Amino acid sequence: MIITTRDGKSFDTDTDLTAPERHILQKLIIWQLFASSVDQFREKEKEAMFRGWNNSGPIKTSEAMRAILAELEDKVALRLNDDMK
């Protein structure tokens, strides 16, 4: 999957992320849609990164993953802002 951030950076999840990062990203994409606050999303993100893939333990977050996570946080904030209108 190719993810393009609002600032134009593109990431190929097959090559730019590790398998554990891809697994966590799948879960966080869902949380992006359902989180009731940015803080809740951040908490789920923190928990997922600590637990790792299939509870394998904490994983190191790559630069690409950090950029994608920041984009997801921004999308949560935008969605919540739109919901308030």
C-alpha atoms as a PDB file:
ATOM      1  CA  MET A   1       0.000   0.000   0.000  1.00  0.00           C
ATOM      2  CA  ILE A   2       1.248   3.482  -0.845  1.00  0.00           C
ATOM      3  CA  ILE A   3       0.532   6.171   1.736  1.00  0.00           C
ATOM      4  CA  THR A   4       0.975   9.795   0.727  1.00  0.00           C
ATOM      5  CA  THR A   5       1.020  12.428   3.438  1.00  0.00           C
ATOM      6  CA  ARG A   6      -0.529  15.855   3.038  1.00  0.00           C
ATOM      7  CA  ASP A   7       2.946  17.345   2.591  1.00  0.00           C
ATOM      8  CA  GLY A   8       3.520  15.100  -0.434  1.00  0.00           C
ATOM      9  CA  LYS A   9       5.765  12.405   1.024  1.00  0.00           C
ATOM     10  CA  SER A  10       4.956   8.900  -0.206  1.00  0.00           C
ATOM     11  CA  PHE A  11       5.684   5.675   1.623  1.00  0.00           C
ATOM     12  CA  ASP A  12       5.396   2.138   0.292  1.00  0.00           C
ATOM     13  CA  THR A  13       4.414   0.032   3.278  1.00  0.00           C
ATOM     14  CA  ASP A  14       5.938  -3.074   1.662  1.00  0.00           C
ATOM     15  CA  THR A  15       9.408  -1.578   1.489  1.00  0.00           C
ATOM     16  CA  ASP A  16       9.454   1.321   3.953  1.00  0.00           C
ATOM     17  CA  LEU A  17       7.979  -0.464   6.982  1.00  0.00           C
ATOM     18  CA  THR A  18       8.866  -3.657   8.801  1.00  0.00           C
ATOM     19  CA  ALA A  19       6.327  -6.474   9.093  1.00  0.00           C
ATOM     20  CA  PRO A  20       5.552  -5.538  12.727  1.00  0.00           C
ATOM     21  CA  GLU A  21       5.054  -1.892  11.724  1.00  0.00           C
ATOM     22  CA  ARG A  22       2.660  -2.930   8.938  1.00  0.00           C
ATOM     23  CA  HIS A  23       0.664  -5.057  11.371  1.00  0.00           C
ATOM     24  CA  ILE A  24       0.383  -2.179  13.842  1.00  0.00           C
ATOM     25  CA  LEU A  25      -0.454   0.282  11.069  1.00  0.00           C
ATOM     26  CA  GLN A  26      -3.437  -1.846  10.022  1.00  0.00           C
ATOM     27  CA  LYS A  27      -4.850  -1.611  13.536  1.00  0.00           C
ATOM     28  CA  LEU A  28      -4.160   2.100  13.838  1.00  0.00           C
ATOM     29  CA  ILE A  29      -5.849   2.876  10.520  1.00  0.00           C
ATOM     30  CA  ILE A  30      -9.032   1.465  12.063  1.00  0.00           C
ATOM     31  CA  TRP A  31      -8.466   3.443  15.280  1.00  0.00           C
ATOM     32  CA  GLN A  32      -8.038   6.581  13.174  1.00  0.00           C
ATOM     33  CA  LEU A  33     -11.662   6.162  12.118  1.00  0.00           C
ATOM     34  CA  PHE A  34     -13.107   5.417  15.546  1.00  0.00           C
ATOM     35  CA  ALA A  35     -11.000   7.267  18.130  1.00  0.00           C
ATOM     36  CA  SER A  36     -13.065   9.761  20.108  1.00  0.00           C
ATOM     37  CA  SER A  37     -10.074  12.055  20.645  1.00  0.00           C
ATOM     38  CA  VAL A  38      -6.510  12.572  19.496  1.00  0.00           C
ATOM     39  CA  ASP A  39      -5.416  11.563  22.997  1.00  0.00           C
ATOM     40  CA  GLN A  40      -7.264   8.253  22.687  1.00  0.00           C
ATOM     41  CA  PHE A  41      -5.588   7.628  19.324  1.00  0.00           C
ATOM     42  CA  ARG A  42      -2.172   8.429  20.814  1.00  0.00           C
ATOM     43  CA  GLU A  43      -2.833   6.040  23.682  1.00  0.00           C
ATOM     44  CA  LYS A  44      -3.747   3.234  21.250  1.00  0.00           C
ATOM     45  CA  GLU A  45      -0.649   4.039  19.201  1.00  0.00           C
ATOM     46  CA  LYS A  46       1.574   3.933  22.285  1.00  0.00           C
ATOM     47  CA  GLU A  47       0.009   0.662  23.445  1.00  0.00           C
ATOM     48  CA  ALA A  48       0.402  -0.948  20.013  1.00  0.00           C
ATOM     49  CA  MET A  49       4.050   0.086  19.703  1.00  0.00           C
ATOM     50  CA  PHE A  50       4.779  -1.222  23.210  1.00  0.00           C
ATOM     51  CA  ARG A  51       3.042  -4.570  22.675  1.00  0.00           C
ATOM     52  CA  GLY A  52       4.477  -5.088  19.221  1.00  0.00           C
ATOM     53  CA  TRP A  53       3.353  -7.615  16.678  1.00  0.00           C
ATOM     54  CA  ASN A  54       1.434 -10.480  18.303  1.00  0.00           C
ATOM     55  CA  ASN A  55       2.631  -9.309  21.724  1.00  0.00           C
ATOM     56  CA  SER A  56       6.263  -9.724  20.656  1.00  0.00           C
ATOM     57  CA  GLY A  57       7.314  -6.721  22.696  1.00  0.00           C
ATOM     58  CA  PRO A  58       8.212  -3.138  21.857  1.00  0.00           C
ATOM     59  CA  ILE A  59       9.255  -2.369  18.321  1.00  0.00           C
ATOM     60  CA  LYS A  60      11.577   0.329  17.055  1.00  0.00           C
ATOM     61  CA  THR A  61       9.660   2.933  15.089  1.00  0.00           C
ATOM     62  CA  SER A  62      11.193   3.867  11.746  1.00  0.00           C
ATOM     63  CA  GLU A  63      11.211   7.392  10.354  1.00  0.00           C
ATOM     64  CA  ALA A  64       8.611   6.334   7.778  1.00  0.00           C
ATOM     65  CA  MET A  65       6.331   4.939  10.484  1.00  0.00           C
ATOM     66  CA  ARG A  66       6.683   8.119  12.553  1.00  0.00           C
ATOM     67  CA  ALA A  67       5.657  10.220   9.540  1.00  0.00           C
ATOM     68  CA  ILE A  68       2.674   7.970   8.826  1.00  0.00           C
ATOM     69  CA  LEU A  69       1.589   8.035  12.479  1.00  0.00           C
ATOM     70  CA  ALA A  70       1.758  11.839  12.504  1.00  0.00           C
ATOM     71  CA  GLU A  71      -0.439  11.848   9.402  1.00  0.00           C
ATOM     72  CA  LEU A  72      -2.963   9.537  11.067  1.00  0.00           C
ATOM     73  CA  GLU A  73      -3.049  11.799  14.141  1.00  0.00           C
ATOM     74  CA  ASP A  74      -3.725  14.781  11.884  1.00  0.00           C
ATOM     75  CA  LYS A  75      -6.555  12.875  10.209  1.00  0.00           C
ATOM     76  CA  VAL A  76      -8.103  12.106  13.593  1.00  0.00           C
ATOM     77  CA  ALA A  77      -7.966  15.799  14.510  1.00  0.00           C
ATOM     78  CA  LEU A  78      -9.489  16.823  11.172  1.00  0.00           C
ATOM     79  CA  ARG A  79     -12.266  14.242  11.465  1.00  0.00           C
ATOM     80  CA  LEU A  80     -13.119  15.346  14.992  1.00  0.00           C
ATOM     81  CA  ASN A  81     -13.074  18.998  13.935  1.00  0.00           C
ATOM     82  CA  ASP A  82     -15.434  18.219  11.041  1.00  0.00           C
ATOM     83  CA  ASP A  83     -17.720  16.294  13.405  1.00  0.00           C
ATOM     84  CA  MET A  84     -18.028  19.415  15.569  1.00  0.00           C
ATOM     85  CA  LYS A  85     -19.413  21.470  12.674  1.00  0.00           C
END
